[in-house]
């Protein structure tokens, strides 16, 4: 029987330096997994090093890697270097994303291209390389957004850029099923991180809070355990987008 615990497994986290990715890295390390931590820019390097320090303190192997994942060759290199550092990857988690709140009539071509490169293209090639490189029985998990089930203004390129990931997830779940690889997406509500606040006014923040249980935003502590579950005992869930948002949106 396949072992679906995390002890001794090798986990790669794209965007693993801080916020949700950093917490996932710490939690899977505490569960006994070795962790490869990806970060995008020099600005995140200090956070990546701090997260790596916490991972290594758990007595497991860990390493950090920098790269722009909108370039498919960099995604290929990331998986190869991660495997060289910690062993064949069992779980691949992609938390990478970029948010923009802007009316359609004001959105530039460069903004559109950047949003779809980061939210869709990078996610596609991350899933592709996971399919090529993961061990049999592996798990692929992508963070999307609860806005996929929202009827709202302003987020055309953010929700639009994340929406293809649902289709990527379903297709990959079918294509990788023979190898026992599960593929899932998690759709958090607006998260209480710097990623969110730069796009919103205080009034809209208050509205977003009012739509969730307990009048609050989603916390990274709400989402990381779901990632951990899908990466272990929850492996039988595949091809799904899980809306984990305290009732913010649903289908």
C-alpha atoms as a PDB file:
ATOM      1  CA  UNK A   1       0.000   0.000   0.000  1.00  0.00           C
ATOM      2  CA  UNK A   2       1.279   3.449  -0.916  1.00  0.00           C
ATOM      3  CA  UNK A   3       2.509   5.559   1.991  1.00  0.00           C
ATOM      4  CA  UNK A   4       0.545   8.812   2.036  1.00  0.00           C
ATOM      5  CA  UNK A   5       2.155  10.361   5.109  1.00  0.00           C
ATOM      6  CA  UNK A   6       4.655  13.203   4.724  1.00  0.00           C
ATOM      7  CA  UNK A   7       7.432  11.693   6.825  1.00  0.00           C
ATOM      8  CA  UNK A   8      10.498  11.306   4.618  1.00  0.00           C
ATOM      9  CA  UNK A   9       8.759  12.758   1.537  1.00  0.00           C
ATOM     10  CA  UNK A  10      10.265  15.485  -0.630  1.00  0.00           C
ATOM     11  CA  UNK A  11       8.187  18.633  -1.102  1.00  0.00           C
ATOM     12  CA  UNK A  12       8.789  21.475  -3.564  1.00  0.00           C
ATOM     13  CA  UNK A  13       7.019  24.775  -2.844  1.00  0.00           C
ATOM     14  CA  UNK A  14       6.913  27.506  -5.485  1.00  0.00           C
ATOM     15  CA  UNK A  15       6.642  30.842  -3.732  1.00  0.00           C
ATOM     16  CA  UNK A  16       7.731  29.193  -0.500  1.00  0.00           C
ATOM     17  CA  UNK A  17       9.674  32.026   1.087  1.00  0.00           C
ATOM     18  CA  UNK A  18       6.972  33.774   3.103  1.00  0.00           C
ATOM     19  CA  UNK A  19       3.260  34.176   3.838  1.00  0.00           C
ATOM     20  CA  UNK A  20       1.304  31.035   2.896  1.00  0.00           C
ATOM     21  CA  UNK A  21       4.215  29.335   1.143  1.00  0.00           C
ATOM     22  CA  UNK A  22       6.485  29.901   4.107  1.00  0.00           C
ATOM     23  CA  UNK A  23       3.946  28.470   6.545  1.00  0.00           C
ATOM     24  CA  UNK A  24       3.419  25.407   4.343  1.00  0.00           C
ATOM     25  CA  UNK A  25       7.182  24.876   4.260  1.00  0.00           C
ATOM     26  CA  UNK A  26       7.382  24.991   8.059  1.00  0.00           C
ATOM     27  CA  UNK A  27       4.388  22.696   8.557  1.00  0.00           C
ATOM     28  CA  UNK A  28       5.481  19.984   6.121  1.00  0.00           C
ATOM     29  CA  UNK A  29       8.986  20.080   7.595  1.00  0.00           C
ATOM     30  CA  UNK A  30       7.483  19.601  11.052  1.00  0.00           C
ATOM     31  CA  UNK A  31       5.654  16.577   9.609  1.00  0.00           C
ATOM     32  CA  UNK A  32       8.984  15.087   8.541  1.00  0.00           C
ATOM     33  CA  UNK A  33       9.244  16.195   4.910  1.00  0.00           C
ATOM     34  CA  UNK A  34      12.329  17.524   3.169  1.00  0.00           C
ATOM     35  CA  UNK A  35      11.582  20.887   1.565  1.00  0.00           C
ATOM     36  CA  UNK A  36      12.769  22.731  -1.551  1.00  0.00           C
ATOM     37  CA  UNK A  37      11.826  26.409  -1.287  1.00  0.00           C
ATOM     38  CA  UNK A  38      11.469  28.527  -4.414  1.00  0.00           C
ATOM     39  CA  UNK A  39      11.434  32.318  -4.379  1.00  0.00           C
ATOM     40  CA  UNK A  40      11.140  34.781  -7.251  1.00  0.00           C
ATOM     41  CA  UNK A  41      13.202  37.902  -6.578  1.00  0.00           C
ATOM     42  CA  UNK A  42      16.132  39.176  -4.545  1.00  0.00           C
ATOM     43  CA  UNK A  43      13.625  41.017  -2.354  1.00  0.00           C
ATOM     44  CA  UNK A  44      12.386  37.642  -1.052  1.00  0.00           C
ATOM     45  CA  UNK A  45      15.775  36.058  -0.479  1.00  0.00           C
ATOM     46  CA  UNK A  46      16.031  36.998   3.204  1.00  0.00           C
ATOM     47  CA  UNK A  47      12.575  35.510   3.820  1.00  0.00           C
ATOM     48  CA  UNK A  48      13.563  32.354   1.950  1.00  0.00           C
ATOM     49  CA  UNK A  49      16.695  31.994   4.062  1.00  0.00           C
ATOM     50  CA  UNK A  50      14.684  32.481   7.262  1.00  0.00           C
ATOM     51  CA  UNK A  51      12.173  29.830   6.185  1.00  0.00           C
ATOM     52  CA  UNK A  52      14.998  27.485   5.252  1.00  0.00           C
ATOM     53  CA  UNK A  53      16.493  27.957   8.714  1.00  0.00           C
ATOM     54  CA  UNK A  54      13.158  26.950  10.271  1.00  0.00           C
ATOM     55  CA  UNK A  55      12.933  23.907   7.980  1.00  0.00           C
ATOM     56  CA  UNK A  56      16.442  22.710   8.816  1.00  0.00           C
ATOM     57  CA  UNK A  57      15.714  23.153  12.535  1.00  0.00           C
ATOM     58  CA  UNK A  58      13.192  20.300  12.152  1.00  0.00           C
ATOM     59  CA  UNK A  59      16.055  17.936  11.300  1.00  0.00           C
ATOM     60  CA  UNK A  60      15.082  17.475   7.643  1.00  0.00           C
ATOM     61  CA  UNK A  61      16.822  18.438   4.411  1.00  0.00           C
ATOM     62  CA  UNK A  62      16.078  21.768   2.772  1.00  0.00           C
ATOM     63  CA  UNK A  63      17.302  24.096   0.042  1.00  0.00           C
ATOM     64  CA  UNK A  64      16.324  27.393  -1.594  1.00  0.00           C
ATOM     65  CA  UNK A  65      16.140  28.253  -5.289  1.00  0.00           C
ATOM     66  CA  UNK A  66      15.503  31.501  -7.132  1.00  0.00           C
ATOM     67  CA  UNK A  67      13.771  31.800 -10.495  1.00  0.00           C
ATOM     68  CA  UNK A  68      11.210  33.564 -12.655  1.00  0.00           C
ATOM     69  CA  UNK A  69       8.683  30.798 -13.286  1.00  0.00           C
ATOM     70  CA  UNK A  70       7.028  32.623 -16.177  1.00  0.00           C
ATOM     71  CA  UNK A  71       9.972  31.249 -18.194  1.00  0.00           C
ATOM     72  CA  UNK A  72       9.290  27.523 -18.766  1.00  0.00           C
ATOM     73  CA  UNK A  73      12.997  26.692 -18.861  1.00  0.00           C
ATOM     74  CA  UNK A  74      13.335  28.038 -15.329  1.00  0.00           C
ATOM     75  CA  UNK A  75      10.534  25.735 -14.152  1.00  0.00           C
ATOM     76  CA  UNK A  76      12.344  22.765 -15.694  1.00  0.00           C
ATOM     77  CA  UNK A  77      15.564  23.838 -13.970  1.00  0.00           C
ATOM     78  CA  UNK A  78      13.776  24.291 -10.636  1.00  0.00           C
ATOM     79  CA  UNK A  79      12.502  20.706 -10.600  1.00  0.00           C
ATOM     80  CA  UNK A  80      15.902  19.346 -11.644  1.00  0.00           C
ATOM     81  CA  UNK A  81      17.806  21.329  -9.013  1.00  0.00           C
ATOM     82  CA  UNK A  82      15.271  20.534  -6.302  1.00  0.00           C
ATOM     83  CA  UNK A  83      15.572  16.810  -7.013  1.00  0.00           C
ATOM     84  CA  UNK A  84      19.363  17.055  -6.907  1.00  0.00           C
ATOM     85  CA  UNK A  85      19.188  18.798  -3.540  1.00  0.00           C
ATOM     86  CA  UNK A  86      16.572  16.817  -1.609  1.00  0.00           C
ATOM     87  CA  UNK A  87      15.670  13.787  -3.754  1.00  0.00           C
ATOM     88  CA  UNK A  88      12.883  12.891  -6.164  1.00  0.00           C
ATOM     89  CA  UNK A  89       9.945  15.215  -5.569  1.00  0.00           C
ATOM     90  CA  UNK A  90       6.798  13.657  -4.109  1.00  0.00           C
ATOM     91  CA  UNK A  91       4.676  16.776  -3.598  1.00  0.00           C
ATOM     92  CA  UNK A  92       4.694  19.942  -5.718  1.00  0.00           C
ATOM     93  CA  UNK A  93       2.860  22.995  -4.350  1.00  0.00           C
ATOM     94  CA  UNK A  94       2.476  26.203  -6.338  1.00  0.00           C
ATOM     95  CA  UNK A  95       1.514  29.285  -4.317  1.00  0.00           C
ATOM     96  CA  UNK A  96       2.776  31.779  -6.914  1.00  0.00           C
ATOM     97  CA  UNK A  97       0.393  34.541  -7.928  1.00  0.00           C
ATOM     98  CA  UNK A  98       0.018  38.224  -8.638  1.00  0.00           C
ATOM     99  CA  UNK A  99      -3.055  40.310  -7.873  1.00  0.00           C
ATOM    100  CA  UNK A 100      -4.316  43.389  -9.698  1.00  0.00           C
ATOM    101  CA  UNK A 101      -7.534  45.282  -9.142  1.00  0.00           C
ATOM    102  CA  UNK A 102      -8.177  47.535 -12.126  1.00  0.00           C
ATOM    103  CA  UNK A 103     -11.078  48.300 -14.457  1.00  0.00           C
ATOM    104  CA  UNK A 104     -10.940  46.570 -17.830  1.00  0.00           C
ATOM    105  CA  UNK A 105     -10.960  49.895 -19.707  1.00  0.00           C
ATOM    106  CA  UNK A 106      -7.816  51.010 -17.843  1.00  0.00           C
ATOM    107  CA  UNK A 107      -5.857  47.742 -18.135  1.00  0.00           C
ATOM    108  CA  UNK A 108      -2.795  47.828 -20.402  1.00  0.00           C
ATOM    109  CA  UNK A 109      -1.498  45.051 -22.607  1.00  0.00           C
ATOM    110  CA  UNK A 110       1.621  44.774 -20.448  1.00  0.00           C
ATOM    111  CA  UNK A 111      -0.518  44.338 -17.325  1.00  0.00           C
ATOM    112  CA  UNK A 112      -2.636  41.714 -19.038  1.00  0.00           C
ATOM    113  CA  UNK A 113       0.432  39.802 -20.227  1.00  0.00           C
ATOM    114  CA  UNK A 114       2.080  39.925 -16.800  1.00  0.00           C
ATOM    115  CA  UNK A 115      -1.050  38.727 -14.999  1.00  0.00           C
ATOM    116  CA  UNK A 116      -1.614  35.787 -17.330  1.00  0.00           C
ATOM    117  CA  UNK A 117       2.089  34.884 -17.420  1.00  0.00           C
ATOM    118  CA  UNK A 118       2.267  34.673 -13.614  1.00  0.00           C
ATOM    119  CA  UNK A 119      -1.164  33.263 -12.808  1.00  0.00           C
ATOM    120  CA  UNK A 120      -1.759  30.930 -15.763  1.00  0.00           C
ATOM    121  CA  UNK A 121       1.391  30.263 -17.788  1.00  0.00           C
ATOM    122  CA  UNK A 122       3.661  29.641 -14.794  1.00  0.00           C
ATOM    123  CA  UNK A 123       0.991  27.402 -13.236  1.00  0.00           C
ATOM    124  CA  UNK A 124       0.645  25.398 -16.461  1.00  0.00           C
ATOM    125  CA  UNK A 125       4.330  24.685 -16.817  1.00  0.00           C
ATOM    126  CA  UNK A 126       4.666  23.958 -13.099  1.00  0.00           C
ATOM    127  CA  UNK A 127       1.991  21.270 -13.475  1.00  0.00           C
ATOM    128  CA  UNK A 128       3.692  20.024 -16.638  1.00  0.00           C
ATOM    129  CA  UNK A 129       7.101  19.671 -14.993  1.00  0.00           C
ATOM    130  CA  UNK A 130       5.493  18.057 -11.956  1.00  0.00           C
ATOM    131  CA  UNK A 131       3.923  15.517 -14.298  1.00  0.00           C
ATOM    132  CA  UNK A 132       7.309  14.828 -15.845  1.00  0.00           C
ATOM    133  CA  UNK A 133       9.327  14.720 -12.636  1.00  0.00           C
ATOM    134  CA  UNK A 134       7.132  13.635  -9.716  1.00  0.00           C
ATOM    135  CA  UNK A 135       7.431  10.210  -8.157  1.00  0.00           C
ATOM    136  CA  UNK A 136       4.514   7.853  -8.718  1.00  0.00           C
ATOM    137  CA  UNK A 137       1.851   8.492  -6.086  1.00  0.00           C
ATOM    138  CA  UNK A 138       2.777  12.164  -5.994  1.00  0.00           C
ATOM    139  CA  UNK A 139       0.571  15.180  -5.383  1.00  0.00           C
ATOM    140  CA  UNK A 140       0.266  18.498  -7.218  1.00  0.00           C
ATOM    141  CA  UNK A 141      -1.486  21.413  -5.480  1.00  0.00           C
ATOM    142  CA  UNK A 142      -2.063  24.913  -6.882  1.00  0.00           C
ATOM    143  CA  UNK A 143      -3.371  27.942  -5.005  1.00  0.00           C
ATOM    144  CA  UNK A 144      -6.034  29.806  -6.996  1.00  0.00           C
ATOM    145  CA  UNK A 145      -8.673  32.249  -5.666  1.00  0.00           C
ATOM    146  CA  UNK A 146     -12.222  32.297  -4.315  1.00  0.00           C
ATOM    147  CA  UNK A 147     -12.921  35.015  -6.893  1.00  0.00           C
ATOM    148  CA  UNK A 148     -13.386  32.162  -9.392  1.00  0.00           C
ATOM    149  CA  UNK A 149     -16.891  31.896  -7.909  1.00  0.00           C
ATOM    150  CA  UNK A 150     -17.487  35.640  -7.542  1.00  0.00           C
ATOM    151  CA  UNK A 151     -19.555  38.056  -9.645  1.00  0.00           C
ATOM    152  CA  UNK A 152     -17.584  41.227  -9.090  1.00  0.00           C
ATOM    153  CA  UNK A 153     -15.771  44.073 -10.769  1.00  0.00           C
ATOM    154  CA  UNK A 154     -12.108  44.982 -10.912  1.00  0.00           C
ATOM    155  CA  UNK A 155     -10.444  41.592 -10.906  1.00  0.00           C
ATOM    156  CA  UNK A 156     -10.772  40.612 -14.567  1.00  0.00           C
ATOM    157  CA  UNK A 157      -7.083  39.786 -15.057  1.00  0.00           C
ATOM    158  CA  UNK A 158      -6.559  38.218 -11.623  1.00  0.00           C
ATOM    159  CA  UNK A 159      -9.565  35.898 -11.523  1.00  0.00           C
ATOM    160  CA  UNK A 160      -9.318  35.531 -15.303  1.00  0.00           C
ATOM    161  CA  UNK A 161      -5.672  34.546 -15.061  1.00  0.00           C
ATOM    162  CA  UNK A 162      -6.358  32.015 -12.314  1.00  0.00           C
ATOM    163  CA  UNK A 163      -9.445  30.468 -13.931  1.00  0.00           C
ATOM    164  CA  UNK A 164      -7.531  28.369 -16.513  1.00  0.00           C
ATOM    165  CA  UNK A 165      -5.833  26.552 -13.637  1.00  0.00           C
ATOM    166  CA  UNK A 166      -9.120  24.742 -12.931  1.00  0.00           C
ATOM    167  CA  UNK A 167      -9.014  23.268 -16.429  1.00  0.00           C
ATOM    168  CA  UNK A 168      -5.294  22.498 -16.168  1.00  0.00           C
ATOM    169  CA  UNK A 169      -6.024  20.698 -12.899  1.00  0.00           C
ATOM    170  CA  UNK A 170      -8.796  18.544 -14.327  1.00  0.00           C
ATOM    171  CA  UNK A 171      -6.811  17.588 -17.421  1.00  0.00           C
ATOM    172  CA  UNK A 172      -3.677  16.773 -15.420  1.00  0.00           C
ATOM    173  CA  UNK A 173      -5.698  14.719 -12.918  1.00  0.00           C
ATOM    174  CA  UNK A 174      -6.883  12.502 -15.777  1.00  0.00           C
ATOM    175  CA  UNK A 175      -3.537  12.367 -17.559  1.00  0.00           C
ATOM    176  CA  UNK A 176      -1.485  11.558 -14.444  1.00  0.00           C
ATOM    177  CA  UNK A 177      -4.008   9.196 -12.834  1.00  0.00           C
ATOM    178  CA  UNK A 178      -2.319   6.034 -14.090  1.00  0.00           C
ATOM    179  CA  UNK A 179       0.691   6.948 -11.951  1.00  0.00           C
ATOM    180  CA  UNK A 180      -1.431   7.602  -8.861  1.00  0.00           C
ATOM    181  CA  UNK A 181      -0.730  11.339  -8.929  1.00  0.00           C
ATOM    182  CA  UNK A 182      -3.514  13.546  -7.547  1.00  0.00           C
ATOM    183  CA  UNK A 183      -3.915  17.098  -8.817  1.00  0.00           C
ATOM    184  CA  UNK A 184      -5.936  19.702  -6.930  1.00  0.00           C
ATOM    185  CA  UNK A 185      -6.483  23.448  -6.585  1.00  0.00           C
ATOM    186  CA  UNK A 186      -7.371  25.407  -3.457  1.00  0.00           C
ATOM    187  CA  UNK A 187      -9.367  28.645  -3.702  1.00  0.00           C
ATOM    188  CA  UNK A 188      -8.855  30.749  -0.542  1.00  0.00           C
ATOM    189  CA  UNK A 189     -10.852  33.849   0.232  1.00  0.00           C
ATOM    190  CA  UNK A 190      -9.041  37.201   0.437  1.00  0.00           C
ATOM    191  CA  UNK A 191      -6.074  36.460   2.679  1.00  0.00           C
ATOM    192  CA  UNK A 192      -4.845  38.630   5.498  1.00  0.00           C
ATOM    193  CA  UNK A 193      -1.426  39.228   3.886  1.00  0.00           C
ATOM    194  CA  UNK A 194       0.296  42.180   2.156  1.00  0.00           C
ATOM    195  CA  UNK A 195      -0.623  40.476  -1.144  1.00  0.00           C
ATOM    196  CA  UNK A 196      -4.221  41.634  -0.615  1.00  0.00           C
ATOM    197  CA  UNK A 197      -4.171  45.040   1.045  1.00  0.00           C
ATOM    198  CA  UNK A 198      -2.360  46.934  -1.696  1.00  0.00           C
ATOM    199  CA  UNK A 199      -5.333  46.507  -4.033  1.00  0.00           C
ATOM    200  CA  UNK A 200      -8.172  47.553  -1.722  1.00  0.00           C
ATOM    201  CA  UNK A 201      -9.616  50.563   0.110  1.00  0.00           C
ATOM    202  CA  UNK A 202     -10.441  50.289   3.836  1.00  0.00           C
ATOM    203  CA  UNK A 203     -14.130  50.219   2.921  1.00  0.00           C
ATOM    204  CA  UNK A 204     -13.691  47.282   0.574  1.00  0.00           C
ATOM    205  CA  UNK A 205     -11.530  45.460   3.110  1.00  0.00           C
ATOM    206  CA  UNK A 206     -14.390  45.821   5.589  1.00  0.00           C
ATOM    207  CA  UNK A 207     -16.810  44.428   3.000  1.00  0.00           C
ATOM    208  CA  UNK A 208     -14.567  41.426   2.277  1.00  0.00           C
ATOM    209  CA  UNK A 209     -14.327  40.747   6.010  1.00  0.00           C
ATOM    210  CA  UNK A 210     -18.115  40.856   6.325  1.00  0.00           C
ATOM    211  CA  UNK A 211     -18.528  38.052   3.784  1.00  0.00           C
ATOM    212  CA  UNK A 212     -16.622  35.429   5.780  1.00  0.00           C
ATOM    213  CA  UNK A 213     -17.470  33.598   8.977  1.00  0.00           C
ATOM    214  CA  UNK A 214     -16.573  35.568  12.067  1.00  0.00           C
ATOM    215  CA  UNK A 215     -16.318  38.791  10.049  1.00  0.00           C
ATOM    216  CA  UNK A 216     -12.727  38.142   9.080  1.00  0.00           C
ATOM    217  CA  UNK A 217     -10.476  37.466   6.127  1.00  0.00           C
ATOM    218  CA  UNK A 218      -8.928  34.103   5.346  1.00  0.00           C
ATOM    219  CA  UNK A 219      -5.731  33.494   7.338  1.00  0.00           C
ATOM    220  CA  UNK A 220      -2.776  31.543   6.013  1.00  0.00           C
ATOM    221  CA  UNK A 221      -3.287  29.255   9.017  1.00  0.00           C
ATOM    222  CA  UNK A 222      -6.679  28.307   7.530  1.00  0.00           C
ATOM    223  CA  UNK A 223      -5.151  27.130   4.247  1.00  0.00           C
ATOM    224  CA  UNK A 224      -1.819  25.487   5.099  1.00  0.00           C
ATOM    225  CA  UNK A 225      -3.457  22.506   6.899  1.00  0.00           C
ATOM    226  CA  UNK A 226      -5.605  21.856   3.811  1.00  0.00           C
ATOM    227  CA  UNK A 227      -2.471  21.734   1.673  1.00  0.00           C
ATOM    228  CA  UNK A 228      -0.930  19.353   4.190  1.00  0.00           C
ATOM    229  CA  UNK A 229      -4.049  17.150   4.096  1.00  0.00           C
ATOM    230  CA  UNK A 230      -4.174  17.014   0.285  1.00  0.00           C
ATOM    231  CA  UNK A 231      -0.478  16.161   0.268  1.00  0.00           C
ATOM    232  CA  UNK A 232      -1.031  13.196   2.563  1.00  0.00           C
ATOM    233  CA  UNK A 233      -4.277  11.510   3.686  1.00  0.00           C
ATOM    234  CA  UNK A 234      -6.375  13.587   1.249  1.00  0.00           C
ATOM    235  CA  UNK A 235      -4.643  12.124  -1.811  1.00  0.00           C
ATOM    236  CA  UNK A 236      -7.882  10.523  -3.082  1.00  0.00           C
ATOM    237  CA  UNK A 237      -9.257  13.995  -3.867  1.00  0.00           C
ATOM    238  CA  UNK A 238      -8.203  14.855  -7.416  1.00  0.00           C
ATOM    239  CA  UNK A 239      -9.267  17.130 -10.260  1.00  0.00           C
ATOM    240  CA  UNK A 240     -11.070  19.428  -7.824  1.00  0.00           C
ATOM    241  CA  UNK A 241     -11.027  23.089  -6.871  1.00  0.00           C
ATOM    242  CA  UNK A 242     -11.651  23.340  -3.138  1.00  0.00           C
ATOM    243  CA  UNK A 243     -13.210  26.631  -2.014  1.00  0.00           C
ATOM    244  CA  UNK A 244     -11.737  27.221   1.454  1.00  0.00           C
ATOM    245  CA  UNK A 245     -12.921  30.696   2.271  1.00  0.00           C
ATOM    246  CA  UNK A 246     -15.237  30.754   5.284  1.00  0.00           C
ATOM    247  CA  UNK A 247     -18.321  31.165   3.132  1.00  0.00           C
ATOM    248  CA  UNK A 248     -16.979  34.080   1.089  1.00  0.00           C
ATOM    249  CA  UNK A 249     -18.034  32.462  -2.203  1.00  0.00           C
ATOM    250  CA  UNK A 250     -19.374  29.103  -3.312  1.00  0.00           C
ATOM    251  CA  UNK A 251     -20.818  27.343  -6.344  1.00  0.00           C
END
